[in-house]
C-alpha atoms as a PDB file:
ATOM      1  CA  MET A   1      54.534 -16.129  26.704  1.00  0.00           C
ATOM      2  CA  LYS A   2      53.513 -19.754  26.302  1.00  0.00           C
ATOM      3  CA  ASN A   3      50.028 -18.952  27.700  1.00  0.00           C
ATOM      4  CA  ILE A   4      49.553 -16.139  25.186  1.00  0.00           C
ATOM      5  CA  GLY A   5      50.350 -18.565  22.367  1.00  0.00           C
ATOM      6  CA  ILE A   6      47.739 -21.028  23.693  1.00  0.00           C
ATOM      7  CA  VAL A   7      45.090 -18.288  24.046  1.00  0.00           C
ATOM      8  CA  VAL A   8      45.778 -17.032  20.506  1.00  0.00           C
ATOM      9  CA  GLY A   9      45.576 -20.602  19.170  1.00  0.00           C
ATOM     10  CA  VAL A  10      42.234 -21.246  20.914  1.00  0.00           C
ATOM     11  CA  LEU A  11      40.813 -17.952  19.599  1.00  0.00           C
ATOM     12  CA  LEU A  12      41.873 -18.822  16.059  1.00  0.00           C
ATOM     13  CA  ILE A  13      40.152 -22.211  16.323  1.00  0.00           C
ATOM     14  CA  VAL A  14      36.941 -20.655  17.723  1.00  0.00           C
ATOM     15  CA  PHE A  15      36.827 -17.960  15.033  1.00  0.00           C
ATOM     16  CA  GLY A  16      37.668 -20.526  12.349  1.00  0.00           C
ATOM     17  CA  ILE A  17      34.746 -22.762  13.410  1.00  0.00           C
ATOM     18  CA  GLY A  18      32.429 -19.739  13.470  1.00  0.00           C
ATOM     19  CA  PHE A  19      33.538 -18.762   9.966  1.00  0.00           C
ATOM     20  CA  VAL A  20      32.873 -22.269   8.612  1.00  0.00           C
ATOM     21  CA  PHE A  21      29.334 -22.330  10.074  1.00  0.00           C
ATOM     22  CA  LYS A  22      28.621 -18.788   8.887  1.00  0.00           C
ATOM     23  CA  SER A  23      29.754 -19.597   5.346  1.00  0.00           C
ATOM     24  CA  LYS A  24      27.330 -22.559   5.159  1.00  0.00           C
ATOM     25  CA  GLN A  25      24.318 -20.257   5.613  1.00  0.00           C
ATOM     26  CA  LYS A  26      22.470 -19.245   2.462  1.00  0.00           C
ATOM     27  CA  PRO A  27      23.618 -15.847   1.269  1.00  0.00           C
ATOM     28  CA  GLN A  28      21.014 -13.157   0.922  1.00  0.00           C
ATOM     29  CA  VAL A  29      20.735 -11.690  -2.544  1.00  0.00           C
ATOM     30  CA  LEU A  30      20.198  -7.958  -2.663  1.00  0.00           C
ATOM     31  CA  GLY A  31      16.861  -6.972  -4.151  1.00  0.00           C
ATOM     32  CA  GLN A  32      15.124 -10.254  -3.291  1.00  0.00           C
ATOM     33  CA  THR A  33      12.717 -10.435  -0.399  1.00  0.00           C
ATOM     34  CA  ALA A  34      10.875 -13.333   1.178  1.00  0.00           C
ATOM     35  CA  PHE A  35       7.172 -13.742   0.448  1.00  0.00           C
ATOM     36  CA  VAL A  36       5.392 -12.008   3.305  1.00  0.00           C
ATOM     37  CA  PRO A  37       1.629 -12.347   2.903  1.00  0.00           C
ATOM     38  CA  ASP A  38      -0.737  -9.414   3.304  1.00  0.00           C
ATOM     39  CA  LYS A  39      -3.601 -11.853   3.951  1.00  0.00           C
ATOM     40  CA  THR A  40      -3.513 -15.410   5.317  1.00  0.00           C
ATOM     41  CA  PHE A  41      -6.520 -17.724   5.309  1.00  0.00           C
ATOM     42  CA  GLU A  42      -7.064 -21.052   7.062  1.00  0.00           C
ATOM     43  CA  ILE A  43      -9.361 -23.268   4.985  1.00  0.00           C
ATOM     44  CA  LYS A  44     -10.481 -26.788   5.871  1.00  0.00           C
ATOM     45  CA  GLY A  45     -11.601 -29.449   3.424  1.00  0.00           C
ATOM     46  CA  LEU A  46     -14.672 -31.337   4.587  1.00  0.00           C
ATOM     47  CA  ASN A  47     -16.774 -33.938   2.770  1.00  0.00           C
ATOM     48  CA  TYR A  48     -17.768 -32.097  -0.434  1.00  0.00           C
ATOM     49  CA  ALA A  49     -17.296 -28.620   1.098  1.00  0.00           C
ATOM     50  CA  TYR A  50     -14.801 -26.088   2.357  1.00  0.00           C
ATOM     51  CA  ASP A  51     -15.452 -24.499   5.745  1.00  0.00           C
ATOM     52  CA  VAL A  52     -14.851 -21.045   4.202  1.00  0.00           C
ATOM     53  CA  LYS A  53     -17.085 -20.238   1.215  1.00  0.00           C
ATOM     54  CA  GLU A  54     -15.782 -16.731   0.448  1.00  0.00           C
ATOM     55  CA  ILE A  55     -12.565 -14.805   0.907  1.00  0.00           C
ATOM     56  CA  ARG A  56     -11.895 -11.163   0.005  1.00  0.00           C
ATOM     57  CA  VAL A  57      -8.586  -9.523  -0.810  1.00  0.00           C
ATOM     58  CA  LYS A  58      -7.356  -6.327  -2.433  1.00  0.00           C
ATOM     59  CA  LEU A  59      -5.697  -6.109  -5.836  1.00  0.00           C
ATOM     60  CA  ASN A  60      -1.999  -7.036  -5.579  1.00  0.00           C
ATOM     61  CA  ASP A  61      -2.335  -8.469  -2.072  1.00  0.00           C
ATOM     62  CA  LYS A  62       0.104 -11.272  -1.346  1.00  0.00           C
ATOM     63  CA  VAL A  63      -2.171 -14.141  -0.298  1.00  0.00           C
ATOM     64  CA  LYS A  64      -1.374 -17.304   1.628  1.00  0.00           C
ATOM     65  CA  ILE A  65      -3.871 -20.146   1.916  1.00  0.00           C
ATOM     66  CA  ASN A  66      -3.233 -22.793   4.564  1.00  0.00           C
ATOM     67  CA  PHE A  67      -5.368 -25.750   3.453  1.00  0.00           C
ATOM     68  CA  THR A  68      -6.038 -28.580   5.905  1.00  0.00           C
ATOM     69  CA  ASN A  69      -7.935 -31.669   4.848  1.00  0.00           C
ATOM     70  CA  THR A  70     -10.143 -32.882   7.700  1.00  0.00           C
ATOM     71  CA  GLU A  71     -12.244 -35.497   5.862  1.00  0.00           C
ATOM     72  CA  GLY A  72     -11.625 -37.598   2.770  1.00  0.00           C
ATOM     73  CA  PHE A  73      -9.147 -36.891  -0.038  1.00  0.00           C
ATOM     74  CA  HIS A  74      -9.043 -33.311  -1.399  1.00  0.00           C
ATOM     75  CA  ASP A  75      -7.047 -30.483  -2.909  1.00  0.00           C
ATOM     76  CA  PHE A  76      -7.399 -26.706  -3.293  1.00  0.00           C
ATOM     77  CA  ARG A  77      -7.177 -24.906  -6.659  1.00  0.00           C
ATOM     78  CA  ILE A  78      -7.621 -21.453  -8.174  1.00  0.00           C
ATOM     79  CA  ASP A  79      -6.997 -21.706 -11.904  1.00  0.00           C
ATOM     80  CA  GLU A  80      -6.780 -17.960 -12.630  1.00  0.00           C
ATOM     81  CA  PHE A  81      -3.823 -17.551 -10.267  1.00  0.00           C
ATOM     82  CA  GLY A  82      -2.111 -20.867 -11.042  1.00  0.00           C
ATOM     83  CA  VAL A  83      -2.709 -22.071  -7.487  1.00  0.00           C
ATOM     84  CA  ALA A  84      -2.921 -25.780  -6.680  1.00  0.00           C
ATOM     85  CA  THR A  85      -2.085 -27.978  -3.733  1.00  0.00           C
ATOM     86  CA  LYS A  86      -1.402 -31.666  -4.082  1.00  0.00           C
ATOM     87  CA  GLN A  87      -4.319 -34.000  -3.430  1.00  0.00           C
ATOM     88  CA  ILE A  88      -3.910 -34.878   0.230  1.00  0.00           C
ATOM     89  CA  PRO A  89      -5.536 -37.375   2.602  1.00  0.00           C
ATOM     90  CA  THR A  90      -7.299 -36.669   5.904  1.00  0.00           C
ATOM     91  CA  GLY A  91      -5.123 -34.969   8.494  1.00  0.00           C
ATOM     92  CA  GLN A  92      -2.607 -33.412   6.125  1.00  0.00           C
ATOM     93  CA  SER A  93      -2.057 -29.752   5.250  1.00  0.00           C
ATOM     94  CA  GLU A  94      -0.520 -27.772   2.429  1.00  0.00           C
ATOM     95  CA  SER A  95      -0.049 -24.079   1.802  1.00  0.00           C
ATOM     96  CA  VAL A  96      -0.086 -22.024  -1.378  1.00  0.00           C
ATOM     97  CA  GLU A  97       0.997 -18.431  -1.935  1.00  0.00           C
ATOM     98  CA  PHE A  98       0.199 -16.053  -4.771  1.00  0.00           C
ATOM     99  CA  VAL A  99      -0.278 -12.418  -5.683  1.00  0.00           C
ATOM    100  CA  ALA A 100      -3.904 -11.450  -6.435  1.00  0.00           C
ATOM    101  CA  ASN A 101      -2.924  -9.525  -9.548  1.00  0.00           C
ATOM    102  CA  LYS A 102      -6.345  -9.293 -11.254  1.00  0.00           C
ATOM    103  CA  THR A 103      -9.701  -8.063 -10.022  1.00  0.00           C
ATOM    104  CA  GLY A 104     -12.904 -10.047 -10.139  1.00  0.00           C
ATOM    105  CA  THR A 105     -14.626 -13.026  -8.580  1.00  0.00           C
ATOM    106  CA  PHE A 106     -12.884 -16.352  -9.038  1.00  0.00           C
ATOM    107  CA  GLU A 107     -13.780 -19.854  -7.947  1.00  0.00           C
ATOM    108  CA  TYR A 108     -11.609 -22.052  -5.766  1.00  0.00           C
ATOM    109  CA  TYR A 109     -12.459 -25.743  -5.833  1.00  0.00           C
ATOM    110  CA  CYS A 110     -11.484 -29.356  -5.230  1.00  0.00           C
ATOM    111  CA  SER A 111     -10.482 -31.205  -8.398  1.00  0.00           C
ATOM    112  CA  VAL A 112     -10.936 -34.719  -6.994  1.00  0.00           C
ATOM    113  CA  GLY A 113     -13.620 -36.729  -8.806  1.00  0.00           C
ATOM    114  CA  GLN A 114     -17.004 -34.978  -8.759  1.00  0.00           C
ATOM    115  CA  HIS A 115     -16.271 -32.960  -5.585  1.00  0.00           C
ATOM    116  CA  ARG A 116     -16.566 -29.602  -7.357  1.00  0.00           C
ATOM    117  CA  ALA A 117     -19.908 -30.575  -8.940  1.00  0.00           C
ATOM    118  CA  ASN A 118     -21.085 -31.762  -5.519  1.00  0.00           C
ATOM    119  CA  GLY A 119     -20.473 -28.329  -3.987  1.00  0.00           C
ATOM    120  CA  MET A 120     -16.814 -28.292  -2.959  1.00  0.00           C
ATOM    121  CA  TRP A 121     -16.040 -24.775  -4.134  1.00  0.00           C
ATOM    122  CA  GLY A 122     -15.941 -21.221  -2.877  1.00  0.00           C
ATOM    123  CA  LYS A 123     -15.232 -17.682  -4.111  1.00  0.00           C
ATOM    124  CA  ILE A 124     -12.235 -15.417  -3.865  1.00  0.00           C
ATOM    125  CA  ILE A 125     -13.166 -11.807  -4.522  1.00  0.00           C
ATOM    126  CA  VAL A 126     -10.336  -9.488  -5.523  1.00  0.00           C
ATOM    127  CA  GLU A 127     -11.280  -5.809  -5.243  1.00  0.00           C
END
């Protein structure tokens, strides 16, 4: 009988610890889903250029841009979609996500100094 009491006590402690850890996890809210991109692009910032000059997506695609700066000090922006990374130094990366909710051809660019005027831009085409 004493052994049964010990086993029950140990089980209660184990389940109690499991409950505490489970309750610290973020609850999922019904109706909300994580951003899962339809299209993901890897774009590198070079000196006064991006390595990708054009990207194409469909209307209402969920888009993720992984921007890596390989030379200098740069950022990545698309004004029409409210997309902007921080200005980052060589070797750092940042990602942006957005829904391409309007059709047309839009410019992405670097806003540092005269980089855009010197050719650091590309096109995103939403069809």
